[in-house]
Amino acid sequence: MALTPCTELSAASWIVDSDQPWHTLVGFGPSRLPAYSRLRFLPDPANQGQSENDVHLEADAPSETDQLRTVLDTLARYTSTPSQCYFCLWDGWASNSEPAFPASVLTGPEVMITHRAYYLFQGALSDFGDWGAAEMWPGQPRLHMPDPAFIWPADRTWCVANDVDPHWAGIGADTSAIDQLVAAPASMSSQPTPIMTRRTTSDPGPVTPASQRRGWVIPA
């Protein structure tokens, strides 16, 4: 089934009310989860200012969506509510995809944080990737829809943060879930360096705005 838009936004209160600086919040999600890590879609730059356009990936490298789906397959085992999850779509994407959603969605309530606003959707974790967007034309599904900016289950046992700026997604979850992701990333990427790296335990720590730019992240 497709994800469905939410007009009641209380499920996102732990994001809206988070005390994290906005650039850490959009990079890793809410604080106080047991452990954090990064899913790197591109290798970290070798030097300051290196562009993502300088990175060469193999032709068969999995897409960001496929890598996120692999992570979610693991995280599904670490929630009691895999059939009730929430997905934030950055309104910067949605406003450019007006034919994909009716006006009732685009003019509806939004999850608001500093510098960002999102449309909230709900559904099963297995519905990831299906926004319920209108067909491009009869019989032709809409292709290349953006990935969510935040994904979390109703029991809030983990959160995936996937902002538009970084070349990675941040994951907060149970320590055993992070350990499993970090230990077995081979199926997610053909990159020669580990794609899943542990950030910290208990708190993701500060992330400066400059370090969030794609192609500019040099981890602490």
N, C-alpha and C. Protein backbone atom coordinates (compact mmCIF):
# COMPACT_ATOMS: atom_id res chain seq x y z
N MET A 1 0.83 -1.20 0.00
CA MET A 1 0.00 0.00 0.00
C MET A 1 0.87 1.26 0.00
N ALA A 2 0.28 2.34 -0.46
CA ALA A 2 1.01 3.60 -0.50
C ALA A 2 0.96 4.30 0.85
N LEU A 3 1.95 5.13 1.11
CA LEU A 3 1.92 6.00 2.28
C LEU A 3 0.76 6.99 2.15
N THR A 4 0.26 7.43 3.28
CA THR A 4 -0.86 8.37 3.28
C THR A 4 -0.47 9.64 4.03
N PRO A 5 -0.90 10.80 3.55
CA PRO A 5 -0.58 12.07 4.22
C PRO A 5 -1.25 12.16 5.59
N CYS A 6 -0.57 12.84 6.52
CA CYS A 6 -1.11 13.06 7.87
C CYS A 6 -1.50 14.53 8.02
N THR A 7 -2.64 14.77 8.57
CA THR A 7 -3.03 16.13 8.93
C THR A 7 -2.85 16.39 10.42
N GLU A 8 -2.66 15.33 11.19
CA GLU A 8 -2.40 15.42 12.62
C GLU A 8 -0.92 15.12 12.81
N LEU A 9 -0.18 16.08 13.37
CA LEU A 9 1.28 16.04 13.32
C LEU A 9 1.94 15.69 14.64
N SER A 10 1.19 15.26 15.64
CA SER A 10 1.78 15.02 16.95
C SER A 10 2.84 13.92 16.93
N ALA A 11 2.76 13.01 15.97
CA ALA A 11 3.76 11.94 15.88
C ALA A 11 5.16 12.50 15.67
N ALA A 12 5.25 13.71 15.11
CA ALA A 12 6.56 14.33 14.83
C ALA A 12 7.01 15.26 15.95
N SER A 13 6.33 15.24 17.09
CA SER A 13 6.67 16.18 18.16
C SER A 13 8.09 16.00 18.67
N TRP A 14 8.60 14.76 18.66
CA TRP A 14 9.96 14.57 19.18
C TRP A 14 11.01 15.20 18.27
N ILE A 15 10.65 15.46 17.02
CA ILE A 15 11.53 16.20 16.10
C ILE A 15 11.32 17.69 16.28
N VAL A 16 10.06 18.12 16.25
CA VAL A 16 9.74 19.54 16.38
C VAL A 16 10.24 20.10 17.71
N ASP A 17 10.10 19.33 18.78
CA ASP A 17 10.46 19.81 20.12
C ASP A 17 11.88 19.45 20.52
N SER A 18 12.65 18.91 19.62
CA SER A 18 14.02 18.51 19.94
C SER A 18 14.86 19.72 20.34
N ASP A 19 15.77 19.52 21.29
CA ASP A 19 16.67 20.59 21.70
C ASP A 19 17.98 20.57 20.93
N GLN A 20 18.07 19.73 19.91
CA GLN A 20 19.28 19.68 19.09
C GLN A 20 19.40 20.92 18.21
N PRO A 21 20.61 21.42 17.98
CA PRO A 21 20.79 22.44 16.94
C PRO A 21 20.23 21.89 15.62
N TRP A 22 19.67 22.76 14.80
CA TRP A 22 18.95 22.27 13.63
C TRP A 22 19.83 21.43 12.71
N HIS A 23 21.10 21.81 12.55
CA HIS A 23 21.96 21.07 11.62
C HIS A 23 22.32 19.70 12.16
N THR A 24 22.33 19.52 13.48
CA THR A 24 22.51 18.19 14.05
C THR A 24 21.22 17.39 13.97
N LEU A 25 20.10 18.06 14.20
CA LEU A 25 18.81 17.39 14.12
C LEU A 25 18.55 16.83 12.73
N VAL A 26 18.77 17.63 11.69
CA VAL A 26 18.50 17.13 10.34
C VAL A 26 19.55 16.12 9.90
N GLY A 27 20.71 16.15 10.57
CA GLY A 27 21.77 15.20 10.20
C GLY A 27 21.67 13.86 10.88
N PHE A 28 21.13 13.83 12.13
CA PHE A 28 21.10 12.59 12.90
C PHE A 28 19.75 12.29 13.56
N GLY A 29 18.83 13.24 13.55
CA GLY A 29 17.56 13.01 14.22
C GLY A 29 17.63 13.42 15.67
N PRO A 30 16.57 13.13 16.43
CA PRO A 30 16.51 13.53 17.85
C PRO A 30 17.63 12.91 18.68
N SER A 31 17.96 13.57 19.76
CA SER A 31 19.00 13.08 20.66
C SER A 31 18.45 12.01 21.59
N ARG A 32 19.35 11.44 22.36
CA ARG A 32 19.05 10.51 23.44
C ARG A 32 18.66 9.11 22.97
N LEU A 33 18.88 8.80 21.71
CA LEU A 33 18.82 7.40 21.31
C LEU A 33 20.14 6.75 21.73
N PRO A 34 20.15 5.43 21.91
CA PRO A 34 21.34 4.80 22.51
C PRO A 34 22.63 4.95 21.71
N ALA A 35 22.56 4.96 20.38
CA ALA A 35 23.78 5.03 19.58
C ALA A 35 23.46 5.65 18.22
N TYR A 36 24.50 6.14 17.56
CA TYR A 36 24.33 6.81 16.27
C TYR A 36 25.39 6.34 15.29
N SER A 37 25.04 6.42 14.00
CA SER A 37 26.01 6.10 12.96
C SER A 37 25.65 6.85 11.70
N ARG A 38 26.52 6.75 10.70
CA ARG A 38 26.28 7.38 9.40
C ARG A 38 26.23 6.31 8.32
N LEU A 39 25.30 6.44 7.40
CA LEU A 39 25.28 5.67 6.17
C LEU A 39 25.80 6.59 5.08
N ARG A 40 26.99 6.29 4.57
CA ARG A 40 27.62 7.18 3.60
C ARG A 40 27.23 6.77 2.18
N PHE A 41 26.55 7.66 1.48
CA PHE A 41 26.20 7.40 0.09
C PHE A 41 27.40 7.60 -0.82
N LEU A 42 28.30 8.47 -0.39
CA LEU A 42 29.57 8.72 -1.08
C LEU A 42 30.68 8.64 -0.05
N PRO A 43 31.90 8.29 -0.48
CA PRO A 43 33.01 8.31 0.48
C PRO A 43 33.22 9.72 1.02
N ASP A 44 33.71 9.80 2.24
CA ASP A 44 34.06 11.11 2.76
C ASP A 44 35.15 11.73 1.90
N PRO A 45 35.13 13.06 1.74
CA PRO A 45 36.14 13.70 0.88
C PRO A 45 37.54 13.54 1.42
N ALA A 46 38.48 13.46 0.52
CA ALA A 46 39.88 13.30 0.91
C ALA A 46 40.48 14.62 1.36
N ASN A 47 39.87 15.74 0.96
CA ASN A 47 40.39 17.04 1.35
C ASN A 47 39.24 18.04 1.38
N GLN A 48 39.43 19.11 2.11
CA GLN A 48 38.40 20.13 2.25
C GLN A 48 38.09 20.74 0.88
N GLY A 49 36.80 20.82 0.57
CA GLY A 49 36.40 21.43 -0.69
C GLY A 49 36.25 20.46 -1.83
N GLN A 50 36.56 19.18 -1.63
CA GLN A 50 36.38 18.21 -2.70
C GLN A 50 34.90 18.10 -3.04
N SER A 51 34.61 18.12 -4.34
CA SER A 51 33.22 18.06 -4.79
C SER A 51 32.76 16.61 -4.92
N GLU A 52 31.46 16.40 -4.73
CA GLU A 52 30.92 15.06 -4.94
C GLU A 52 31.05 14.65 -6.40
N ASN A 53 31.17 15.62 -7.29
CA ASN A 53 31.34 15.30 -8.71
C ASN A 53 32.70 14.67 -8.99
N ASP A 54 33.63 14.78 -8.02
CA ASP A 54 34.95 14.18 -8.19
C ASP A 54 34.96 12.71 -7.80
N VAL A 55 33.85 12.22 -7.25
CA VAL A 55 33.79 10.84 -6.77
C VAL A 55 33.32 9.93 -7.90
N HIS A 56 34.05 8.85 -8.11
CA HIS A 56 33.66 7.86 -9.13
C HIS A 56 33.07 6.64 -8.45
N LEU A 57 31.84 6.32 -8.81
CA LEU A 57 31.19 5.11 -8.31
C LEU A 57 31.03 4.12 -9.45
N GLU A 58 31.11 2.85 -9.10
CA GLU A 58 30.93 1.82 -10.12
C GLU A 58 29.52 1.89 -10.71
N ALA A 59 29.40 1.44 -11.93
CA ALA A 59 28.11 1.52 -12.63
C ALA A 59 27.02 0.74 -11.90
N ASP A 60 27.42 -0.33 -11.20
CA ASP A 60 26.43 -1.16 -10.52
C ASP A 60 26.28 -0.78 -9.04
N ALA A 61 26.80 0.38 -8.66
CA ALA A 61 26.67 0.81 -7.26
C ALA A 61 25.20 1.01 -6.93
N PRO A 62 24.75 0.55 -5.78
CA PRO A 62 23.34 0.72 -5.41
C PRO A 62 22.98 2.19 -5.23
N SER A 63 21.75 2.51 -5.52
CA SER A 63 21.28 3.88 -5.37
C SER A 63 21.13 4.23 -3.89
N GLU A 64 20.98 5.50 -3.59
CA GLU A 64 20.73 5.91 -2.21
C GLU A 64 19.45 5.26 -1.69
N THR A 65 18.44 5.19 -2.52
CA THR A 65 17.18 4.57 -2.11
C THR A 65 17.39 3.11 -1.75
N ASP A 66 18.16 2.39 -2.56
CA ASP A 66 18.41 0.97 -2.29
C ASP A 66 19.21 0.81 -0.99
N GLN A 67 20.17 1.70 -0.75
CA GLN A 67 20.94 1.61 0.48
C GLN A 67 20.07 1.89 1.70
N LEU A 68 19.19 2.88 1.59
CA LEU A 68 18.27 3.15 2.68
C LEU A 68 17.34 1.96 2.93
N ARG A 69 16.88 1.34 1.86
CA ARG A 69 15.98 0.19 2.02
C ARG A 69 16.69 -0.95 2.75
N THR A 70 17.95 -1.16 2.47
CA THR A 70 18.71 -2.20 3.15
C THR A 70 18.82 -1.90 4.65
N VAL A 71 19.08 -0.64 4.97
CA VAL A 71 19.13 -0.22 6.38
C VAL A 71 17.78 -0.44 7.05
N LEU A 72 16.71 -0.06 6.37
CA LEU A 72 15.38 -0.20 6.95
C LEU A 72 15.00 -1.67 7.16
N ASP A 73 15.47 -2.54 6.28
CA ASP A 73 15.21 -3.97 6.45
C ASP A 73 15.79 -4.47 7.78
N THR A 74 16.96 -3.94 8.13
CA THR A 74 17.57 -4.30 9.42
C THR A 74 16.82 -3.64 10.57
N LEU A 75 16.53 -2.35 10.44
CA LEU A 75 15.88 -1.63 11.53
C LEU A 75 14.47 -2.15 11.80
N ALA A 76 13.86 -2.78 10.82
CA ALA A 76 12.51 -3.35 11.02
C ALA A 76 12.49 -4.36 12.15
N ARG A 77 13.62 -4.98 12.41
CA ARG A 77 13.69 -5.97 13.49
C ARG A 77 13.87 -5.32 14.86
N TYR A 78 14.02 -4.01 14.89
CA TYR A 78 14.27 -3.30 16.14
C TYR A 78 13.14 -2.32 16.48
N THR A 79 11.94 -2.67 16.06
CA THR A 79 10.76 -1.89 16.43
C THR A 79 9.59 -2.84 16.62
N SER A 80 8.71 -2.48 17.53
CA SER A 80 7.50 -3.26 17.73
C SER A 80 6.36 -2.76 16.85
N THR A 81 6.63 -1.68 16.07
CA THR A 81 5.58 -1.09 15.24
C THR A 81 6.00 -0.94 13.78
N PRO A 82 6.49 -1.99 13.13
CA PRO A 82 6.90 -1.83 11.73
C PRO A 82 5.74 -1.51 10.79
N SER A 83 4.51 -1.78 11.23
CA SER A 83 3.36 -1.47 10.39
C SER A 83 2.84 -0.06 10.61
N GLN A 84 3.45 0.66 11.56
CA GLN A 84 3.05 2.04 11.83
C GLN A 84 4.31 2.90 11.92
N CYS A 85 4.66 3.51 10.82
CA CYS A 85 5.86 4.33 10.74
C CYS A 85 5.52 5.67 10.11
N TYR A 86 6.45 6.60 10.25
CA TYR A 86 6.24 7.96 9.77
C TYR A 86 7.40 8.38 8.86
N PHE A 87 7.05 9.19 7.89
CA PHE A 87 7.99 9.59 6.84
C PHE A 87 7.79 11.08 6.56
N CYS A 88 8.85 11.86 6.67
CA CYS A 88 8.78 13.29 6.36
C CYS A 88 9.32 13.54 4.97
N LEU A 89 8.55 14.25 4.17
CA LEU A 89 8.98 14.66 2.84
C LEU A 89 9.29 16.15 2.87
N TRP A 90 10.54 16.52 2.61
CA TRP A 90 10.94 17.94 2.60
C TRP A 90 10.09 18.70 1.60
N ASP A 91 9.54 19.83 2.01
CA ASP A 91 8.66 20.56 1.11
C ASP A 91 9.41 21.20 -0.05
N GLY A 92 10.73 21.27 0.05
CA GLY A 92 11.51 21.73 -1.09
C GLY A 92 11.43 20.79 -2.27
N TRP A 93 11.23 19.49 -1.98
CA TRP A 93 11.01 18.52 -3.06
C TRP A 93 9.56 18.57 -3.51
N ALA A 94 8.66 18.54 -2.54
CA ALA A 94 7.24 18.42 -2.88
C ALA A 94 6.74 19.61 -3.68
N SER A 95 7.24 20.80 -3.36
CA SER A 95 6.77 21.98 -4.07
C SER A 95 7.22 21.97 -5.53
N ASN A 96 8.26 21.18 -5.82
CA ASN A 96 8.71 21.04 -7.21
C ASN A 96 8.03 19.87 -7.90
N SER A 97 7.18 19.18 -7.18
CA SER A 97 6.51 18.01 -7.73
C SER A 97 5.00 18.17 -7.62
N GLU A 98 4.54 19.40 -7.88
CA GLU A 98 3.14 19.72 -7.64
C GLU A 98 2.18 18.74 -8.30
N PRO A 99 2.43 18.29 -9.53
CA PRO A 99 1.47 17.34 -10.11
C PRO A 99 1.41 16.01 -9.35
N ALA A 100 2.40 15.73 -8.52
CA ALA A 100 2.44 14.44 -7.83
C ALA A 100 1.44 14.38 -6.68
N PHE A 101 1.09 15.54 -6.10
CA PHE A 101 0.24 15.57 -4.93
C PHE A 101 -0.88 16.58 -5.12
N PRO A 102 -2.04 16.28 -4.56
CA PRO A 102 -3.15 17.24 -4.68
C PRO A 102 -2.92 18.46 -3.81
N ALA A 103 -3.69 19.50 -4.08
CA ALA A 103 -3.55 20.74 -3.31
C ALA A 103 -3.82 20.52 -1.84
N SER A 104 -4.67 19.55 -1.51
CA SER A 104 -4.97 19.29 -0.10
C SER A 104 -3.74 18.87 0.67
N VAL A 105 -2.76 18.25 0.01
CA VAL A 105 -1.50 17.88 0.65
C VAL A 105 -0.57 19.09 0.69
N LEU A 106 -0.41 19.76 -0.44
CA LEU A 106 0.56 20.84 -0.54
C LEU A 106 0.17 22.07 0.26
N THR A 107 -1.11 22.24 0.55
CA THR A 107 -1.55 23.37 1.37
C THR A 107 -1.91 22.94 2.78
N GLY A 108 -1.66 21.68 3.10
CA GLY A 108 -1.99 21.15 4.42
C GLY A 108 -0.96 21.50 5.46
N PRO A 109 -1.13 21.03 6.69
CA PRO A 109 -0.19 21.33 7.77
C PRO A 109 1.17 20.70 7.51
N GLU A 110 2.22 21.36 7.99
CA GLU A 110 3.58 20.89 7.80
C GLU A 110 4.30 20.76 9.14
N VAL A 111 5.22 19.83 9.18
CA VAL A 111 6.13 19.69 10.31
C VAL A 111 7.19 20.77 10.15
N MET A 112 7.30 21.66 11.12
CA MET A 112 8.16 22.83 10.99
C MET A 112 9.30 22.77 12.00
N ILE A 113 10.53 22.91 11.50
CA ILE A 113 11.70 23.12 12.34
C ILE A 113 12.50 24.26 11.73
N THR A 114 13.53 24.69 12.40
CA THR A 114 14.34 25.78 11.88
C THR A 114 14.90 25.43 10.51
N HIS A 115 14.67 26.29 9.53
CA HIS A 115 15.21 26.17 8.17
C HIS A 115 14.61 25.02 7.34
N ARG A 116 13.66 24.28 7.88
CA ARG A 116 13.10 23.15 7.14
C ARG A 116 11.60 23.04 7.45
N ALA A 117 10.87 22.52 6.47
CA ALA A 117 9.46 22.18 6.66
C ALA A 117 9.18 20.91 5.86
N TYR A 118 8.29 20.09 6.39
CA TYR A 118 8.06 18.77 5.80
C TYR A 118 6.57 18.44 5.79
N TYR A 119 6.18 17.66 4.80
CA TYR A 119 4.88 17.01 4.81
C TYR A 119 5.05 15.66 5.50
N LEU A 120 4.10 15.31 6.35
CA LEU A 120 4.19 14.07 7.12
C LEU A 120 3.29 13.01 6.49
N PHE A 121 3.86 11.82 6.31
CA PHE A 121 3.14 10.68 5.78
C PHE A 121 3.24 9.54 6.79
N GLN A 122 2.31 8.61 6.72
CA GLN A 122 2.36 7.44 7.57
C GLN A 122 2.09 6.18 6.76
N GLY A 123 2.54 5.05 7.30
CA GLY A 123 2.32 3.77 6.64
C GLY A 123 3.24 2.73 7.22
N ALA A 124 3.20 1.56 6.65
CA ALA A 124 4.10 0.49 7.07
C ALA A 124 5.51 0.77 6.57
N LEU A 125 6.49 0.26 7.29
CA LEU A 125 7.87 0.44 6.86
C LEU A 125 8.08 -0.15 5.47
N SER A 126 7.37 -1.21 5.17
CA SER A 126 7.48 -1.84 3.85
C SER A 126 6.94 -0.96 2.73
N ASP A 127 6.22 0.11 3.08
CA ASP A 127 5.71 1.05 2.08
C ASP A 127 6.74 2.09 1.68
N PHE A 128 7.91 2.04 2.28
CA PHE A 128 8.98 2.99 1.95
C PHE A 128 9.15 3.10 0.43
N GLY A 129 9.18 4.34 -0.05
CA GLY A 129 9.37 4.58 -1.48
C GLY A 129 8.09 4.80 -2.25
N ASP A 130 6.94 4.47 -1.66
CA ASP A 130 5.66 4.64 -2.35
C ASP A 130 4.90 5.78 -1.70
N TRP A 131 5.05 6.97 -2.24
CA TRP A 131 4.42 8.17 -1.68
C TRP A 131 2.94 8.28 -2.06
N GLY A 132 2.45 7.37 -2.88
CA GLY A 132 1.08 7.52 -3.35
C GLY A 132 0.94 8.67 -4.32
N ALA A 133 2.02 9.01 -5.00
CA ALA A 133 2.02 10.14 -5.92
C ALA A 133 1.18 9.83 -7.16
N ALA A 134 0.62 10.86 -7.74
CA ALA A 134 -0.18 10.71 -8.94
C ALA A 134 0.67 10.17 -10.08
N GLU A 135 0.06 9.41 -10.97
CA GLU A 135 0.77 8.90 -12.14
C GLU A 135 1.20 10.05 -13.04
N MET A 136 2.29 9.85 -13.75
CA MET A 136 2.75 10.87 -14.69
C MET A 136 1.75 11.00 -15.83
N TRP A 137 1.21 9.88 -16.25
CA TRP A 137 0.07 9.81 -17.16
C TRP A 137 -0.58 8.47 -16.93
N PRO A 138 -1.79 8.24 -17.39
CA PRO A 138 -2.49 7.00 -17.08
C PRO A 138 -1.66 5.75 -17.38
N GLY A 139 -1.44 4.95 -16.33
CA GLY A 139 -0.68 3.72 -16.48
C GLY A 139 0.81 3.86 -16.29
N GLN A 140 1.29 5.09 -16.13
CA GLN A 140 2.73 5.32 -15.97
C GLN A 140 3.03 5.85 -14.57
N PRO A 141 3.57 5.00 -13.67
CA PRO A 141 3.89 5.47 -12.32
C PRO A 141 4.90 6.62 -12.37
N ARG A 142 4.82 7.47 -11.38
CA ARG A 142 5.76 8.59 -11.28
C ARG A 142 7.12 8.05 -10.83
N LEU A 143 8.15 8.40 -11.56
CA LEU A 143 9.49 7.88 -11.30
C LEU A 143 10.32 8.91 -10.54
N HIS A 144 11.36 8.42 -9.88
CA HIS A 144 12.39 9.27 -9.27
C HIS A 144 11.82 10.20 -8.20
N MET A 145 10.95 9.68 -7.37
CA MET A 145 10.49 10.47 -6.24
C MET A 145 11.59 10.53 -5.18
N PRO A 146 11.68 11.63 -4.45
CA PRO A 146 12.75 11.78 -3.45
C PRO A 146 12.56 10.84 -2.27
N ASP A 147 13.67 10.60 -1.57
CA ASP A 147 13.62 9.80 -0.35
C ASP A 147 13.18 10.67 0.82
N PRO A 148 12.67 10.05 1.88
CA PRO A 148 12.24 10.82 3.05
C PRO A 148 13.40 11.53 3.74
N ALA A 149 13.08 12.64 4.37
CA ALA A 149 14.07 13.36 5.17
C ALA A 149 14.19 12.78 6.57
N PHE A 150 13.11 12.21 7.08
CA PHE A 150 13.11 11.49 8.35
C PHE A 150 12.22 10.26 8.21
N ILE A 151 12.65 9.19 8.87
CA ILE A 151 11.84 7.97 8.95
C ILE A 151 11.95 7.46 10.38
N TRP A 152 10.81 7.12 10.99
CA TRP A 152 10.85 6.55 12.33
C TRP A 152 9.58 5.73 12.58
N PRO A 153 9.66 4.74 13.47
CA PRO A 153 8.47 3.97 13.83
C PRO A 153 7.70 4.65 14.95
N ALA A 154 6.45 4.24 15.12
CA ALA A 154 5.60 4.87 16.13
C ALA A 154 6.16 4.70 17.54
N ASP A 155 6.89 3.63 17.80
CA ASP A 155 7.46 3.44 19.13
C ASP A 155 8.76 4.21 19.35
N ARG A 156 9.22 4.91 18.31
CA ARG A 156 10.38 5.81 18.41
C ARG A 156 11.64 5.10 18.89
N THR A 157 11.82 3.86 18.50
CA THR A 157 13.02 3.12 18.89
C THR A 157 14.22 3.46 18.02
N TRP A 158 14.00 4.11 16.90
CA TRP A 158 15.10 4.55 16.05
C TRP A 158 14.62 5.67 15.14
N CYS A 159 15.56 6.32 14.49
CA CYS A 159 15.23 7.37 13.54
C CYS A 159 16.32 7.43 12.47
N VAL A 160 15.91 7.56 11.23
CA VAL A 160 16.83 7.80 10.11
C VAL A 160 16.62 9.23 9.65
N ALA A 161 17.69 10.01 9.62
CA ALA A 161 17.66 11.39 9.16
C ALA A 161 18.43 11.49 7.85
N ASN A 162 17.80 12.03 6.83
CA ASN A 162 18.39 12.02 5.49
C ASN A 162 18.17 13.39 4.85
N ASP A 163 18.92 14.37 5.32
CA ASP A 163 18.75 15.74 4.85
C ASP A 163 19.29 15.91 3.44
N VAL A 164 18.87 16.98 2.79
CA VAL A 164 19.24 17.23 1.40
C VAL A 164 20.73 17.57 1.26
N ASP A 165 21.36 18.12 2.30
CA ASP A 165 22.73 18.60 2.16
C ASP A 165 23.83 17.55 2.32
N PRO A 166 23.81 16.70 3.34
CA PRO A 166 24.94 15.79 3.53
C PRO A 166 25.03 14.71 2.45
N HIS A 167 26.21 14.10 2.35
CA HIS A 167 26.37 12.95 1.44
C HIS A 167 26.17 11.65 2.21
N TRP A 168 25.47 11.73 3.31
CA TRP A 168 25.21 10.58 4.16
C TRP A 168 23.88 10.76 4.88
N ALA A 169 23.37 9.66 5.42
CA ALA A 169 22.20 9.70 6.29
C ALA A 169 22.65 9.33 7.70
N GLY A 170 22.07 10.00 8.69
CA GLY A 170 22.38 9.68 10.08
C GLY A 170 21.33 8.75 10.65
N ILE A 171 21.76 7.83 11.49
CA ILE A 171 20.87 6.83 12.06
C ILE A 171 21.08 6.79 13.57
N GLY A 172 20.00 6.93 14.31
CA GLY A 172 20.03 6.74 15.75
C GLY A 172 19.19 5.53 16.09
N ALA A 173 19.70 4.65 16.92
CA ALA A 173 18.98 3.39 17.19
C ALA A 173 19.59 2.71 18.41
N ASP A 174 19.02 1.56 18.74
CA ASP A 174 19.58 0.71 19.77
C ASP A 174 21.02 0.33 19.42
N THR A 175 21.86 0.19 20.42
CA THR A 175 23.26 -0.13 20.17
C THR A 175 23.42 -1.40 19.36
N SER A 176 22.61 -2.41 19.63
CA SER A 176 22.74 -3.67 18.88
C SER A 176 22.35 -3.48 17.43
N ALA A 177 21.40 -2.60 17.15
CA ALA A 177 21.03 -2.32 15.76
C ALA A 177 22.16 -1.61 15.03
N ILE A 178 22.77 -0.63 15.68
CA ILE A 178 23.90 0.08 15.06
C ILE A 178 25.06 -0.87 14.85
N ASP A 179 25.33 -1.73 15.84
CA ASP A 179 26.42 -2.69 15.70
C ASP A 179 26.19 -3.59 14.49
N GLN A 180 24.95 -4.03 14.30
CA GLN A 180 24.66 -4.90 13.17
C GLN A 180 24.84 -4.17 11.84
N LEU A 181 24.39 -2.92 11.77
CA LEU A 181 24.54 -2.14 10.54
C LEU A 181 26.01 -1.90 10.21
N VAL A 182 26.79 -1.55 11.23
CA VAL A 182 28.21 -1.25 11.00
C VAL A 182 28.98 -2.51 10.63
N ALA A 183 28.57 -3.64 11.18
CA ALA A 183 29.33 -4.88 10.97
C ALA A 183 29.04 -5.53 9.63
N ALA A 184 27.91 -5.25 9.03
CA ALA A 184 27.53 -5.98 7.81
C ALA A 184 27.03 -5.04 6.73
N PRO A 185 27.89 -4.12 6.25
CA PRO A 185 27.44 -3.18 5.25
C PRO A 185 27.71 -3.60 3.81
N ALA A 186 28.32 -4.76 3.62
CA ALA A 186 28.84 -5.10 2.30
C ALA A 186 27.78 -5.08 1.21
N SER A 187 26.55 -5.45 1.54
CA SER A 187 25.52 -5.53 0.52
C SER A 187 25.01 -4.16 0.10
N MET A 188 25.42 -3.11 0.80
CA MET A 188 24.87 -1.79 0.52
C MET A 188 25.70 -0.98 -0.46
N SER A 189 26.93 -1.34 -0.69
CA SER A 189 27.76 -0.46 -1.51
C SER A 189 28.97 -1.20 -2.04
N SER A 190 29.45 -0.73 -3.20
CA SER A 190 30.68 -1.26 -3.74
C SER A 190 31.86 -0.34 -3.39
N GLN A 191 31.65 0.60 -2.48
CA GLN A 191 32.73 1.49 -2.09
C GLN A 191 33.85 0.70 -1.42
N PRO A 192 35.10 1.10 -1.62
CA PRO A 192 36.22 0.39 -1.02
C PRO A 192 36.37 0.66 0.47
N THR A 193 35.74 1.72 0.98
CA THR A 193 35.84 2.04 2.41
C THR A 193 34.51 1.73 3.08
N PRO A 194 34.53 1.51 4.40
CA PRO A 194 33.28 1.15 5.09
C PRO A 194 32.21 2.21 4.88
N ILE A 195 31.02 1.77 4.52
CA ILE A 195 29.94 2.72 4.26
C ILE A 195 29.20 3.09 5.54
N MET A 196 29.17 2.18 6.52
CA MET A 196 28.52 2.47 7.79
C MET A 196 29.60 2.74 8.82
N THR A 197 29.56 3.91 9.42
CA THR A 197 30.53 4.25 10.44
C THR A 197 29.82 4.74 11.68
N ARG A 198 30.33 4.32 12.84
CA ARG A 198 29.73 4.76 14.10
C ARG A 198 30.12 6.20 14.38
N ARG A 199 29.14 6.98 14.79
CA ARG A 199 29.42 8.38 15.13
C ARG A 199 29.79 8.48 16.61
N THR A 200 28.83 8.25 17.47
CA THR A 200 29.09 8.27 18.91
C THR A 200 28.07 7.37 19.56
N THR A 201 28.15 7.27 20.87
CA THR A 201 27.11 6.62 21.65
C THR A 201 26.36 7.67 22.44
N SER A 202 25.05 7.51 22.55
CA SER A 202 24.14 8.33 23.36
C SER A 202 23.81 9.69 22.77
N ASP A 203 24.73 10.35 22.09
CA ASP A 203 24.44 11.67 21.54
C ASP A 203 25.25 11.84 20.26
N PRO A 204 24.61 12.28 19.18
CA PRO A 204 25.35 12.42 17.92
C PRO A 204 26.38 13.52 17.95
N GLY A 205 26.27 14.44 18.91
CA GLY A 205 27.25 15.50 19.00
C GLY A 205 27.01 16.58 17.96
N PRO A 206 27.76 17.67 18.03
CA PRO A 206 27.52 18.80 17.13
C PRO A 206 27.95 18.49 15.71
N VAL A 207 27.21 19.04 14.77
CA VAL A 207 27.57 18.99 13.36
C VAL A 207 27.48 20.42 12.86
N THR A 208 28.56 20.97 12.36
CA THR A 208 28.53 22.35 11.92
C THR A 208 27.80 22.45 10.59
N PRO A 209 27.19 23.60 10.29
CA PRO A 209 26.50 23.73 9.02
C PRO A 209 27.41 23.45 7.83
N ALA A 210 28.67 23.91 7.90
CA ALA A 210 29.57 23.70 6.77
C ALA A 210 29.83 22.22 6.53
N SER A 211 29.87 21.43 7.61
CA SER A 211 30.19 20.02 7.45
C SER A 211 29.04 19.21 6.90
N GLN A 212 27.89 19.86 6.71
CA GLN A 212 26.75 19.14 6.17
C GLN A 212 26.67 19.24 4.66
N ARG A 213 27.43 20.08 4.04
CA ARG A 213 27.32 20.25 2.61
C ARG A 213 27.82 19.01 1.88
N ARG A 214 27.09 18.60 0.88
CA ARG A 214 27.52 17.44 0.12
C ARG A 214 28.91 17.71 -0.46
N GLY A 215 29.79 16.72 -0.29
CA GLY A 215 31.14 16.87 -0.79
C GLY A 215 32.07 17.63 0.13
N TRP A 216 31.55 18.06 1.33
CA TRP A 216 32.37 18.85 2.23
C TRP A 216 32.52 18.21 3.60
N VAL A 217 31.99 17.04 3.80
CA VAL A 217 32.00 16.46 5.15
C VAL A 217 33.35 15.82 5.44
N ILE A 218 34.00 16.27 6.48
CA ILE A 218 35.18 15.60 7.01
C ILE A 218 34.86 15.28 8.46
N PRO A 219 34.65 13.99 8.78
CA PRO A 219 34.12 13.63 10.08
C PRO A 219 35.09 13.92 11.21
N ALA A 220 34.51 14.16 12.38
CA ALA A 220 35.35 14.39 13.56
C ALA A 220 36.02 13.10 13.97
